Amino acid sequence: MISYDEALRRSGPRFKALLEKIPKKGFERLPPDWLHWQILERLTILKYADIVEGSNVLEVGSGPHAIATIALAELVGERGRVVAVERGRWGDSWEVLKHSGLSPRVIPLQEDASKLPFPFSCFDLAVCVHGIRSFDGRQSIVGAVKEMLRVSKERVFLAESSPFAKNKAQEAHLAMYNLRRPTFLALGRADWGDLRYLPPQELRNIAIEAGASRVELREVDVGMPHHLACFPSDLILKVEDSEIRENLMERWRKALAMLERYGEEHPPVIVLDAWK
C-alpha cells in the first residue's frame, strides 16, 4: 500500500489543501485519517470518470460522510454542481462539506434513486461510487441504473469494490466485510444493505439490463487502506438464533485476527462506463 503522504502528493496541491480543512477524527477501530483516506480513494477512482469542470453531475448514494461528494464537488469546479441523492443516511455529510468549503456546489436531494424526479436528461454525467452495495437487492440496483441512464445526457459511471482479493490484506478486508450482510439478514434488517461486492460480469449484466447500449469495464488497483469493513460484534450478539450467532462470531474472530495480522487494504475497484 502507498503511504498517506504519497497519496496526498498524487492528489495534487489543490486537493491536499482541501483535505487539510477537514478535521481528522477516529473512533472505535477507525484511525484519525480514515475519512481522508476514503476521500482520496474516491478522487483516485473519479479521475477515470473524465469529469469536465463546470459539469452538472448527479451522484446516487452520497452516504453519511459525503465521501465521494467531496471529490465530485472539487472536480466540477466553481461553475459546476453536484446533485447528491440519498435515501436518508445523511449522517455528518453537511458538517464535512462545511469544513471543506464546497457546500455551495452541492444540492442535496432525499429521494429513492429508482424514482428520480427529473423529467428529462439534465445531467452531464450520473455517478454511483461505492454505492451499489448499499442497495437492498439486485432489482433495486437495476432500477437505479435505469434512472441514471434516463436522466444523463450520454453516460453513467459506476464504481464498486471487487469481490476478488490479490493479497492477504485484501482478503482480511473481505473476510470482515462479508459478515455484514448475513448479520443484517439474521437480525431481520435486509434494508440495511451492505450487499456482497458484485463480480465484474454481474455489474455488466446489470447495466445492460438497465438499458445501456454499450458498457466498458476496467479494474483499478488503488493500493490504499480500507478501514470501513469492521463493525462491532455487538450486532452479532443481538442475533437470536444461537447457531447462527455462534457461527457469525467465530467468523468475526477469525476476520479480526486477519485484520490485526495483515492490515486492511482496499480490494481492486471495478470501474464501469455505460452509455445510453
C-alpha atoms as a PDB file:
ATOM      1  CA  MET A   1       0.000   0.000   0.000  1.00  0.00           C
ATOM      2  CA  ILE A   2       1.124   3.543  -0.654  1.00  0.00           C
ATOM      3  CA  SER A   3       1.797   5.919   2.237  1.00  0.00           C
ATOM      4  CA  TYR A   4      -0.568   8.717   3.210  1.00  0.00           C
ATOM      5  CA  ASP A   5       1.998  11.332   2.131  1.00  0.00           C
ATOM      6  CA  GLU A   6       2.335   9.678  -1.275  1.00  0.00           C
ATOM      7  CA  ALA A   7      -1.448   9.589  -1.668  1.00  0.00           C
ATOM      8  CA  LEU A   8      -1.607  13.307  -0.868  1.00  0.00           C
ATOM      9  CA  ARG A   9       1.180  14.053  -3.339  1.00  0.00           C
ATOM     10  CA  ARG A  10      -0.649  12.194  -6.108  1.00  0.00           C
ATOM     11  CA  SER A  11      -3.870  14.091  -5.376  1.00  0.00           C
ATOM     12  CA  GLY A  12      -2.211  17.440  -6.175  1.00  0.00           C
ATOM     13  CA  PRO A  13      -1.725  20.626  -4.113  1.00  0.00           C
ATOM     14  CA  ARG A  14      -5.304  21.873  -4.544  1.00  0.00           C
ATOM     15  CA  PHE A  15      -6.867  18.706  -3.197  1.00  0.00           C
ATOM     16  CA  LYS A  16      -4.262  18.470  -0.431  1.00  0.00           C
ATOM     17  CA  ALA A  17      -5.247  21.953   0.729  1.00  0.00           C
ATOM     18  CA  LEU A  18      -8.898  20.925   0.654  1.00  0.00           C
ATOM     19  CA  LEU A  19      -8.309  17.855   2.845  1.00  0.00           C
ATOM     20  CA  GLU A  20      -6.398  19.927   5.363  1.00  0.00           C
ATOM     21  CA  LYS A  21      -9.623  21.822   6.067  1.00  0.00           C
ATOM     22  CA  ILE A  22     -11.437  18.646   7.122  1.00  0.00           C
ATOM     23  CA  PRO A  23     -10.711  17.649  10.752  1.00  0.00           C
ATOM     24  CA  LYS A  24      -9.321  14.183  11.416  1.00  0.00           C
ATOM     25  CA  LYS A  25     -11.439  12.140  13.798  1.00  0.00           C
ATOM     26  CA  GLY A  26     -11.110   8.481  14.686  1.00  0.00           C
ATOM     27  CA  PHE A  27     -13.461   6.230  16.623  1.00  0.00           C
ATOM     28  CA  GLU A  28     -13.572   2.569  17.639  1.00  0.00           C
ATOM     29  CA  ARG A  29     -11.139   0.817  15.243  1.00  0.00           C
ATOM     30  CA  LEU A  30     -11.005   3.716  12.781  1.00  0.00           C
ATOM     31  CA  PRO A  31      -7.765   5.762  12.802  1.00  0.00           C
ATOM     32  CA  PRO A  32      -7.933   9.589  12.730  1.00  0.00           C
ATOM     33  CA  ASP A  33      -7.150   9.753   8.998  1.00  0.00           C
ATOM     34  CA  TRP A  34      -9.754   7.170   7.877  1.00  0.00           C
ATOM     35  CA  LEU A  35     -12.070   9.762   6.287  1.00  0.00           C
ATOM     36  CA  HIS A  36      -9.171  11.414   4.437  1.00  0.00           C
ATOM     37  CA  TRP A  37      -8.115   8.028   3.068  1.00  0.00           C
ATOM     38  CA  GLN A  38     -11.644   7.331   1.853  1.00  0.00           C
ATOM     39  CA  ILE A  39     -11.914  10.714   0.112  1.00  0.00           C
ATOM     40  CA  LEU A  40      -8.510  10.181  -1.520  1.00  0.00           C
ATOM     41  CA  GLU A  41      -9.661   6.797  -2.810  1.00  0.00           C
ATOM     42  CA  ARG A  42     -12.816   8.347  -4.295  1.00  0.00           C
ATOM     43  CA  LEU A  43     -10.737  11.033  -6.014  1.00  0.00           C
ATOM     44  CA  THR A  44      -8.463   8.346  -7.472  1.00  0.00           C
ATOM     45  CA  ILE A  45     -11.445   6.449  -8.853  1.00  0.00           C
ATOM     46  CA  LEU A  46     -13.312   9.518 -10.123  1.00  0.00           C
ATOM     47  CA  LYS A  47     -10.355  10.576 -12.250  1.00  0.00           C
ATOM     48  CA  TYR A  48     -11.436   7.702 -14.522  1.00  0.00           C
ATOM     49  CA  ALA A  49     -14.823   9.390 -14.966  1.00  0.00           C
ATOM     50  CA  ASP A  50     -13.310  12.207 -17.086  1.00  0.00           C
ATOM     51  CA  ILE A  51     -15.338  14.921 -15.351  1.00  0.00           C
ATOM     52  CA  VAL A  52     -15.067  18.322 -17.011  1.00  0.00           C
ATOM     53  CA  GLU A  53     -15.038  21.467 -14.857  1.00  0.00           C
ATOM     54  CA  GLY A  54     -18.412  23.174 -14.988  1.00  0.00           C
ATOM     55  CA  SER A  55     -20.292  19.882 -15.310  1.00  0.00           C
ATOM     56  CA  ASN A  56     -23.696  19.229 -13.815  1.00  0.00           C
ATOM     57  CA  VAL A  57     -23.324  15.823 -12.102  1.00  0.00           C
ATOM     58  CA  LEU A  58     -25.847  13.552 -10.414  1.00  0.00           C
ATOM     59  CA  GLU A  59     -24.471  11.456  -7.568  1.00  0.00           C
ATOM     60  CA  VAL A  60     -26.542   8.486  -6.430  1.00  0.00           C
ATOM     61  CA  GLY A  61     -25.916   7.276  -2.880  1.00  0.00           C
ATOM     62  CA  SER A  62     -23.895  10.114  -1.359  1.00  0.00           C
ATOM     63  CA  GLY A  63     -23.852   8.353   2.019  1.00  0.00           C
ATOM     64  CA  PRO A  64     -23.410   9.582   5.598  1.00  0.00           C
ATOM     65  CA  HIS A  65     -19.985  11.192   5.203  1.00  0.00           C
ATOM     66  CA  ALA A  66     -20.120  12.895   1.757  1.00  0.00           C
ATOM     67  CA  ILE A  67     -17.009  10.930   0.792  1.00  0.00           C
ATOM     68  CA  ALA A  68     -17.440  10.858  -2.983  1.00  0.00           C
ATOM     69  CA  THR A  69     -19.433  14.110  -2.861  1.00  0.00           C
ATOM     70  CA  ILE A  70     -16.319  15.976  -1.694  1.00  0.00           C
ATOM     71  CA  ALA A  71     -14.249  14.601  -4.569  1.00  0.00           C
ATOM     72  CA  LEU A  72     -17.013  15.320  -7.100  1.00  0.00           C
ATOM     73  CA  ALA A  73     -17.533  18.888  -5.857  1.00  0.00           C
ATOM     74  CA  GLU A  74     -13.825  19.546  -6.247  1.00  0.00           C
ATOM     75  CA  LEU A  75     -13.709  18.065  -9.761  1.00  0.00           C
ATOM     76  CA  VAL A  76     -16.700  20.010 -11.135  1.00  0.00           C
ATOM     77  CA  GLY A  77     -15.145  23.306 -10.036  1.00  0.00           C
ATOM     78  CA  GLU A  78     -16.804  26.570  -9.054  1.00  0.00           C
ATOM     79  CA  ARG A  79     -19.104  26.634 -12.090  1.00  0.00           C
ATOM     80  CA  GLY A  80     -20.228  23.026 -11.675  1.00  0.00           C
ATOM     81  CA  ARG A  81     -22.872  21.463  -9.466  1.00  0.00           C
ATOM     82  CA  VAL A  82     -23.367  18.095  -7.787  1.00  0.00           C
ATOM     83  CA  VAL A  83     -26.909  16.943  -7.065  1.00  0.00           C
ATOM     84  CA  ALA A  84     -26.360  14.432  -4.254  1.00  0.00           C
ATOM     85  CA  VAL A  85     -29.177  11.883  -3.970  1.00  0.00           C
ATOM     86  CA  GLU A  86     -29.531   9.930  -0.749  1.00  0.00           C
ATOM     87  CA  ARG A  87     -32.453   7.926   0.575  1.00  0.00           C
ATOM     88  CA  GLY A  88     -31.928   9.187   4.126  1.00  0.00           C
ATOM     89  CA  ARG A  89     -28.474   8.355   5.550  1.00  0.00           C
ATOM     90  CA  TRP A  90     -27.042  11.882   5.600  1.00  0.00           C
ATOM     91  CA  GLY A  91     -25.066  11.424   8.856  1.00  0.00           C
ATOM     92  CA  ASP A  92     -22.432  14.137   9.196  1.00  0.00           C
ATOM     93  CA  SER A  93     -22.318  14.943   5.460  1.00  0.00           C
ATOM     94  CA  TRP A  94     -23.066  18.615   5.910  1.00  0.00           C
ATOM     95  CA  GLU A  95     -20.517  19.059   8.655  1.00  0.00           C
ATOM     96  CA  VAL A  96     -17.828  17.565   6.392  1.00  0.00           C
ATOM     97  CA  LEU A  97     -18.945  19.661   3.407  1.00  0.00           C
ATOM     98  CA  LYS A  98     -18.977  22.812   5.524  1.00  0.00           C
ATOM     99  CA  HIS A  99     -15.388  22.228   6.635  1.00  0.00           C
ATOM    100  CA  SER A 100     -14.328  21.595   3.032  1.00  0.00           C
ATOM    101  CA  GLY A 101     -15.842  24.871   1.813  1.00  0.00           C
ATOM    102  CA  LEU A 102     -17.527  23.040  -1.078  1.00  0.00           C
ATOM    103  CA  SER A 103     -21.135  23.009   0.165  1.00  0.00           C
ATOM    104  CA  PRO A 104     -22.224  25.802  -2.262  1.00  0.00           C
ATOM    105  CA  ARG A 105     -21.506  23.389  -5.124  1.00  0.00           C
ATOM    106  CA  VAL A 106     -23.710  20.612  -3.710  1.00  0.00           C
ATOM    107  CA  ILE A 107     -27.509  20.321  -3.852  1.00  0.00           C
ATOM    108  CA  PRO A 108     -28.896  17.604  -1.530  1.00  0.00           C
ATOM    109  CA  LEU A 109     -31.897  15.582  -2.612  1.00  0.00           C
ATOM    110  CA  GLN A 110     -33.604  12.954  -0.464  1.00  0.00           C
ATOM    111  CA  GLU A 111     -35.184  10.576  -2.952  1.00  0.00           C
ATOM    112  CA  ASP A 112     -35.423   6.942  -3.979  1.00  0.00           C
ATOM    113  CA  ALA A 113     -32.820   6.537  -6.727  1.00  0.00           C
ATOM    114  CA  SER A 114     -35.172   4.276  -8.694  1.00  0.00           C
ATOM    115  CA  LYS A 115     -37.742   7.106  -8.934  1.00  0.00           C
ATOM    116  CA  LEU A 116     -35.783  10.258  -9.698  1.00  0.00           C
ATOM    117  CA  PRO A 117     -37.880  13.441 -10.009  1.00  0.00           C
ATOM    118  CA  PHE A 118     -36.237  14.749 -13.195  1.00  0.00           C
ATOM    119  CA  PRO A 119     -38.398  14.706 -16.347  1.00  0.00           C
ATOM    120  CA  PHE A 120     -35.582  14.703 -18.912  1.00  0.00           C
ATOM    121  CA  SER A 121     -31.836  14.216 -19.498  1.00  0.00           C
ATOM    122  CA  CYS A 122     -30.489  17.144 -17.493  1.00  0.00           C
ATOM    123  CA  PHE A 123     -27.133  15.843 -16.191  1.00  0.00           C
ATOM    124  CA  ASP A 124     -23.810  15.739 -17.983  1.00  0.00           C
ATOM    125  CA  LEU A 125     -22.981  12.605 -16.024  1.00  0.00           C
ATOM    126  CA  ALA A 126     -24.618  10.345 -13.425  1.00  0.00           C
ATOM    127  CA  VAL A 127     -22.308   8.531 -10.989  1.00  0.00           C
ATOM    128  CA  CYS A 128     -22.508   5.978  -8.204  1.00  0.00           C
ATOM    129  CA  VAL A 129     -19.216   5.301  -6.422  1.00  0.00           C
ATOM    130  CA  HIS A 130     -19.199   2.507  -3.855  1.00  0.00           C
ATOM    131  CA  GLY A 131     -22.953   2.890  -3.537  1.00  0.00           C
ATOM    132  CA  ILE A 132     -24.117  -0.258  -5.349  1.00  0.00           C
ATOM    133  CA  ARG A 133     -23.521  -2.334  -2.217  1.00  0.00           C
ATOM    134  CA  SER A 134     -25.885  -0.133  -0.193  1.00  0.00           C
ATOM    135  CA  PHE A 135     -28.991  -1.088  -2.176  1.00  0.00           C
ATOM    136  CA  ASP A 136     -31.325  -3.748  -0.808  1.00  0.00           C
ATOM    137  CA  GLY A 137     -31.083  -6.106  -3.775  1.00  0.00           C
ATOM    138  CA  ARG A 138     -30.343  -6.622  -7.448  1.00  0.00           C
ATOM    139  CA  GLN A 139     -33.623  -5.276  -8.793  1.00  0.00           C
ATOM    140  CA  SER A 140     -33.170  -2.051  -6.841  1.00  0.00           C
ATOM    141  CA  ILE A 141     -29.744  -1.632  -8.434  1.00  0.00           C
ATOM    142  CA  VAL A 142     -31.139  -2.223 -11.929  1.00  0.00           C
ATOM    143  CA  GLY A 143     -33.910   0.307 -11.282  1.00  0.00           C
ATOM    144  CA  ALA A 144     -31.464   2.951 -10.087  1.00  0.00           C
ATOM    145  CA  VAL A 145     -29.076   2.472 -13.027  1.00  0.00           C
ATOM    146  CA  LYS A 146     -32.038   2.658 -15.421  1.00  0.00           C
ATOM    147  CA  GLU A 147     -32.998   6.006 -13.905  1.00  0.00           C
ATOM    148  CA  MET A 148     -29.411   7.236 -14.007  1.00  0.00           C
ATOM    149  CA  LEU A 149     -29.279   6.446 -17.731  1.00  0.00           C
ATOM    150  CA  ARG A 150     -32.601   8.203 -18.276  1.00  0.00           C
ATOM    151  CA  VAL A 151     -31.560  11.496 -16.673  1.00  0.00           C
ATOM    152  CA  SER A 152     -27.983  11.603 -18.008  1.00  0.00           C
ATOM    153  CA  LYS A 153     -27.213  13.136 -21.386  1.00  0.00           C
ATOM    154  CA  GLU A 154     -24.947  10.355 -22.532  1.00  0.00           C
ATOM    155  CA  ARG A 155     -23.200   8.223 -19.915  1.00  0.00           C
ATOM    156  CA  VAL A 156     -23.322   6.668 -16.440  1.00  0.00           C
ATOM    157  CA  PHE A 157     -20.234   5.970 -14.311  1.00  0.00           C
ATOM    158  CA  LEU A 158     -20.287   3.196 -11.703  1.00  0.00           C
ATOM    159  CA  ALA A 159     -17.525   2.008  -9.383  1.00  0.00           C
ATOM    160  CA  GLU A 160     -17.592  -0.784  -6.826  1.00  0.00           C
ATOM    161  CA  SER A 161     -15.073  -2.938  -4.993  1.00  0.00           C
ATOM    162  CA  SER A 162     -14.193  -6.302  -6.470  1.00  0.00           C
ATOM    163  CA  PRO A 163     -15.002  -9.483  -4.512  1.00  0.00           C
ATOM    164  CA  PHE A 164     -11.612 -10.934  -5.524  1.00  0.00           C
ATOM    165  CA  ALA A 165      -8.542 -10.297  -3.346  1.00  0.00           C
ATOM    166  CA  LYS A 166      -4.968 -10.097  -4.604  1.00  0.00           C
ATOM    167  CA  ASN A 167      -3.173 -10.227  -1.231  1.00  0.00           C
ATOM    168  CA  LYS A 168      -3.710 -11.087   2.443  1.00  0.00           C
ATOM    169  CA  ALA A 169      -4.670  -7.554   3.482  1.00  0.00           C
ATOM    170  CA  GLN A 170      -7.419  -7.516   0.857  1.00  0.00           C
ATOM    171  CA  GLU A 171      -8.526 -10.987   1.983  1.00  0.00           C
ATOM    172  CA  ALA A 172      -8.762  -9.638   5.538  1.00  0.00           C
ATOM    173  CA  HIS A 173     -10.986  -6.787   4.395  1.00  0.00           C
ATOM    174  CA  LEU A 174     -13.280  -9.163   2.502  1.00  0.00           C
ATOM    175  CA  ALA A 175     -13.454 -11.644   5.386  1.00  0.00           C
ATOM    176  CA  MET A 176     -14.777  -8.942   7.703  1.00  0.00           C
ATOM    177  CA  TYR A 177     -16.941  -7.118   5.163  1.00  0.00           C
ATOM    178  CA  ASN A 178     -18.675 -10.324   4.089  1.00  0.00           C
ATOM    179  CA  LEU A 179     -20.044 -10.724   7.616  1.00  0.00           C
ATOM    180  CA  ARG A 180     -22.181  -7.625   7.369  1.00  0.00           C
ATOM    181  CA  ARG A 181     -24.943  -8.884   5.084  1.00  0.00           C
ATOM    182  CA  PRO A 182     -25.562 -12.239   6.828  1.00  0.00           C
ATOM    183  CA  THR A 183     -25.617 -10.442  10.178  1.00  0.00           C
ATOM    184  CA  PHE A 184     -28.183  -7.918   8.955  1.00  0.00           C
ATOM    185  CA  LEU A 185     -30.317 -10.697   7.450  1.00  0.00           C
ATOM    186  CA  ALA A 186     -30.164 -12.650  10.715  1.00  0.00           C
ATOM    187  CA  LEU A 187     -31.380  -9.525  12.504  1.00  0.00           C
ATOM    188  CA  GLY A 188     -34.256  -9.148  10.050  1.00  0.00           C
ATOM    189  CA  ARG A 189     -32.772  -5.936   8.628  1.00  0.00           C
ATOM    190  CA  ALA A 190     -32.277  -6.621   4.936  1.00  0.00           C
ATOM    191  CA  ASP A 191     -32.925  -2.899   4.394  1.00  0.00           C
ATOM    192  CA  TRP A 192     -29.531  -2.063   5.922  1.00  0.00           C
ATOM    193  CA  GLY A 193     -27.866  -3.008   2.635  1.00  0.00           C
ATOM    194  CA  ASP A 194     -24.144  -3.864   2.520  1.00  0.00           C
ATOM    195  CA  LEU A 195     -24.561  -6.443  -0.219  1.00  0.00           C
ATOM    196  CA  ARG A 196     -21.584  -8.573  -1.143  1.00  0.00           C
ATOM    197  CA  TYR A 197     -19.376  -6.946  -3.757  1.00  0.00           C
ATOM    198  CA  LEU A 198     -20.501  -7.932  -7.244  1.00  0.00           C
ATOM    199  CA  PRO A 199     -18.148  -9.529  -9.801  1.00  0.00           C
ATOM    200  CA  PRO A 200     -17.429  -7.537 -12.988  1.00  0.00           C
ATOM    201  CA  GLN A 201     -19.684  -9.610 -15.239  1.00  0.00           C
ATOM    202  CA  GLU A 202     -22.637  -9.105 -12.911  1.00  0.00           C
ATOM    203  CA  LEU A 203     -22.104  -5.332 -12.952  1.00  0.00           C
ATOM    204  CA  ARG A 204     -22.024  -5.501 -16.752  1.00  0.00           C
ATOM    205  CA  ASN A 205     -25.233  -7.542 -16.814  1.00  0.00           C
ATOM    206  CA  ILE A 206     -26.967  -5.041 -14.543  1.00  0.00           C
ATOM    207  CA  ALA A 207     -26.021  -2.107 -16.778  1.00  0.00           C
ATOM    208  CA  ILE A 208     -27.245  -3.928 -19.903  1.00  0.00           C
ATOM    209  CA  GLU A 209     -30.466  -4.967 -18.173  1.00  0.00           C
ATOM    210  CA  ALA A 210     -30.969  -1.319 -17.202  1.00  0.00           C
ATOM    211  CA  GLY A 211     -30.839  -0.361 -20.886  1.00  0.00           C
ATOM    212  CA  ALA A 212     -27.216   0.516 -21.637  1.00  0.00           C
ATOM    213  CA  SER A 213     -26.302   0.259 -25.315  1.00  0.00           C
ATOM    214  CA  ARG A 214     -22.583  -0.115 -24.597  1.00  0.00           C
ATOM    215  CA  VAL A 215     -20.574  -0.981 -21.485  1.00  0.00           C
ATOM    216  CA  GLU A 216     -16.846  -0.701 -20.787  1.00  0.00           C
ATOM    217  CA  LEU A 217     -15.154  -2.154 -17.702  1.00  0.00           C
ATOM    218  CA  ARG A 218     -11.733  -1.803 -16.163  1.00  0.00           C
ATOM    219  CA  GLU A 219     -10.067  -2.820 -12.895  1.00  0.00           C
ATOM    220  CA  VAL A 220      -8.226  -0.240 -10.808  1.00  0.00           C
ATOM    221  CA  ASP A 221      -5.747  -1.105  -8.050  1.00  0.00           C
ATOM    222  CA  VAL A 222      -5.842   1.811  -5.630  1.00  0.00           C
ATOM    223  CA  GLY A 223      -3.263   0.460  -3.167  1.00  0.00           C
ATOM    224  CA  MET A 224      -4.852   2.196  -0.183  1.00  0.00           C
ATOM    225  CA  PRO A 225      -6.120   1.021   3.209  1.00  0.00           C
ATOM    226  CA  HIS A 226      -9.833   0.383   3.662  1.00  0.00           C
ATOM    227  CA  HIS A 227     -10.922   0.797   7.285  1.00  0.00           C
ATOM    228  CA  LEU A 228     -14.688   0.510   6.892  1.00  0.00           C
ATOM    229  CA  ALA A 229     -15.158  -3.258   6.806  1.00  0.00           C
ATOM    230  CA  CYS A 230     -15.005  -3.809  10.551  1.00  0.00           C
ATOM    231  CA  PHE A 231     -18.137  -3.472  12.609  1.00  0.00           C
ATOM    232  CA  PRO A 232     -18.951  -4.110  16.292  1.00  0.00           C
ATOM    233  CA  SER A 233     -19.523  -7.688  17.377  1.00  0.00           C
ATOM    234  CA  ASP A 234     -22.381  -6.214  19.441  1.00  0.00           C
ATOM    235  CA  LEU A 235     -24.587  -6.533  16.355  1.00  0.00           C
ATOM    236  CA  ILE A 236     -23.819 -10.229  16.008  1.00  0.00           C
ATOM    237  CA  LEU A 237     -24.555 -10.795  19.684  1.00  0.00           C
ATOM    238  CA  LYS A 238     -28.086  -9.487  19.088  1.00  0.00           C
ATOM    239  CA  VAL A 239     -28.855 -12.377  16.706  1.00  0.00           C
ATOM    240  CA  GLU A 240     -31.441 -14.581  18.438  1.00  0.00           C
ATOM    241  CA  ASP A 241     -30.684 -17.871  16.669  1.00  0.00           C
ATOM    242  CA  SER A 242     -27.828 -19.311  18.766  1.00  0.00           C
ATOM    243  CA  GLU A 243     -26.385 -21.485  15.977  1.00  0.00           C
ATOM    244  CA  ILE A 244     -26.250 -18.600  13.510  1.00  0.00           C
ATOM    245  CA  ARG A 245     -24.922 -16.271  16.218  1.00  0.00           C
ATOM    246  CA  GLU A 246     -22.058 -18.593  17.184  1.00  0.00           C
ATOM    247  CA  ASN A 247     -21.136 -19.229  13.553  1.00  0.00           C
ATOM    248  CA  LEU A 248     -21.004 -15.499  12.827  1.00  0.00           C
ATOM    249  CA  MET A 249     -18.977 -14.807  15.986  1.00  0.00           C
ATOM    250  CA  GLU A 250     -16.439 -17.466  15.043  1.00  0.00           C
ATOM    251  CA  ARG A 251     -16.078 -15.943  11.577  1.00  0.00           C
ATOM    252  CA  TRP A 252     -15.829 -12.475  13.135  1.00  0.00           C
ATOM    253  CA  ARG A 253     -12.990 -13.510  15.468  1.00  0.00           C
ATOM    254  CA  LYS A 254     -11.052 -15.053  12.570  1.00  0.00           C
ATOM    255  CA  ALA A 255     -11.609 -11.965  10.396  1.00  0.00           C
ATOM    256  CA  LEU A 256     -10.469  -9.663  13.208  1.00  0.00           C
ATOM    257  CA  ALA A 257      -7.303 -11.727  13.658  1.00  0.00           C
ATOM    258  CA  MET A 258      -6.611 -11.360   9.928  1.00  0.00           C
ATOM    259  CA  LEU A 259      -7.089  -7.597  10.075  1.00  0.00           C
ATOM    260  CA  GLU A 260      -4.696  -7.330  13.005  1.00  0.00           C
ATOM    261  CA  ARG A 261      -2.083  -9.506  11.304  1.00  0.00           C
ATOM    262  CA  TYR A 262      -2.230  -8.285   7.706  1.00  0.00           C
ATOM    263  CA  GLY A 263      -3.906  -4.879   7.870  1.00  0.00           C
ATOM    264  CA  GLU A 264      -6.855  -3.964   5.671  1.00  0.00           C
ATOM    265  CA  GLU A 265      -6.331  -2.966   2.061  1.00  0.00           C
ATOM    266  CA  HIS A 266      -8.876  -1.828  -0.483  1.00  0.00           C
ATOM    267  CA  PRO A 267      -9.666  -4.597  -2.973  1.00  0.00           C
ATOM    268  CA  PRO A 268      -9.355  -3.678  -6.661  1.00  0.00           C
ATOM    269  CA  VAL A 269     -12.151  -1.401  -7.845  1.00  0.00           C
ATOM    270  CA  ILE A 270     -14.310  -2.268 -10.854  1.00  0.00           C
ATOM    271  CA  VAL A 271     -14.952   0.879 -12.900  1.00  0.00           C
ATOM    272  CA  LEU A 272     -17.813   0.796 -15.388  1.00  0.00           C
ATOM    273  CA  ASP A 273     -18.926   3.258 -18.067  1.00  0.00           C
ATOM    274  CA  ALA A 274     -22.385   2.688 -19.520  1.00  0.00           C
ATOM    275  CA  TRP A 275     -23.776   4.607 -22.484  1.00  0.00           C
ATOM    276  CA  LYS A 276     -27.412   5.280 -23.320  1.00  0.00           C
END
